[in-house]
Amino acid sequence: MSAWSPEHITLRRTENGNVIAHDSRDDQEFIVRMLFR
């Protein structure tokens, strides 16, 4: 189980306003809830 370390995380916003967090170590992507309204 990998620790969630911020230095490996890249955030990007999609066109519909979702934020996606990408982990560069194991190439996983997490959809972060719509933080910006």
C-alpha atoms as a PDB file:
ATOM      1  CA  MET A   1       0.000   0.000   0.000  1.00  0.00           C
ATOM      2  CA  SER A   2       1.577   3.233  -1.119  1.00  0.00           C
ATOM      3  CA  ALA A   3       1.603   6.360   0.982  1.00  0.00           C
ATOM      4  CA  TRP A   4      -0.059   9.364  -0.570  1.00  0.00           C
ATOM      5  CA  SER A   5       2.790  11.825  -0.970  1.00  0.00           C
ATOM      6  CA  PRO A   6       2.016  15.275  -2.364  1.00  0.00           C
ATOM      7  CA  GLU A   7       5.319  15.618  -4.213  1.00  0.00           C
ATOM      8  CA  HIS A   8       4.239  12.883  -6.615  1.00  0.00           C
ATOM      9  CA  ILE A   9       0.840  14.404  -7.302  1.00  0.00           C
ATOM     10  CA  THR A  10      -0.041  16.560 -10.278  1.00  0.00           C
ATOM     11  CA  LEU A  11      -3.392  18.339 -10.310  1.00  0.00           C
ATOM     12  CA  ARG A  12      -5.234  19.320 -13.444  1.00  0.00           C
ATOM     13  CA  ARG A  13      -8.697  20.632 -14.187  1.00  0.00           C
ATOM     14  CA  THR A  14     -10.961  19.166 -16.813  1.00  0.00           C
ATOM     15  CA  GLU A  15     -13.312  21.178 -18.995  1.00  0.00           C
ATOM     16  CA  ASN A  16     -16.343  20.331 -16.867  1.00  0.00           C
ATOM     17  CA  GLY A  17     -14.690  21.602 -13.695  1.00  0.00           C
ATOM     18  CA  ASN A  18     -13.522  18.342 -12.154  1.00  0.00           C
ATOM     19  CA  VAL A  19     -10.037  18.205 -10.712  1.00  0.00           C
ATOM     20  CA  ILE A  20      -7.916  15.149 -11.439  1.00  0.00           C
ATOM     21  CA  ALA A  21      -4.954  14.203  -9.275  1.00  0.00           C
ATOM     22  CA  HIS A  22      -2.351  12.107 -11.059  1.00  0.00           C
ATOM     23  CA  ASP A  23       0.214  10.056  -9.134  1.00  0.00           C
ATOM     24  CA  SER A  24       3.412   9.858 -11.182  1.00  0.00           C
ATOM     25  CA  ARG A  25       4.825   6.856  -9.313  1.00  0.00           C
ATOM     26  CA  ASP A  26       2.190   4.267 -10.111  1.00  0.00           C
ATOM     27  CA  ASP A  27       0.338   6.214 -12.807  1.00  0.00           C
ATOM     28  CA  GLN A  28      -2.955   6.283 -10.964  1.00  0.00           C
ATOM     29  CA  GLU A  29      -5.497   9.023 -11.404  1.00  0.00           C
ATOM     30  CA  PHE A  30      -7.992  10.162  -8.815  1.00  0.00           C
ATOM     31  CA  ILE A  31     -10.917  12.427  -9.515  1.00  0.00           C
ATOM     32  CA  VAL A  32     -11.079  15.102  -6.858  1.00  0.00           C
ATOM     33  CA  ARG A  33     -14.576  16.433  -6.291  1.00  0.00           C
ATOM     34  CA  MET A  34     -15.475  19.755  -7.788  1.00  0.00           C
ATOM     35  CA  LEU A  35     -13.669  22.080  -5.413  1.00  0.00           C
ATOM     36  CA  PHE A  36     -14.212  25.177  -7.513  1.00  0.00           C
ATOM     37  CA  ARG A  37     -17.708  26.402  -8.204  1.00  0.00           C
END
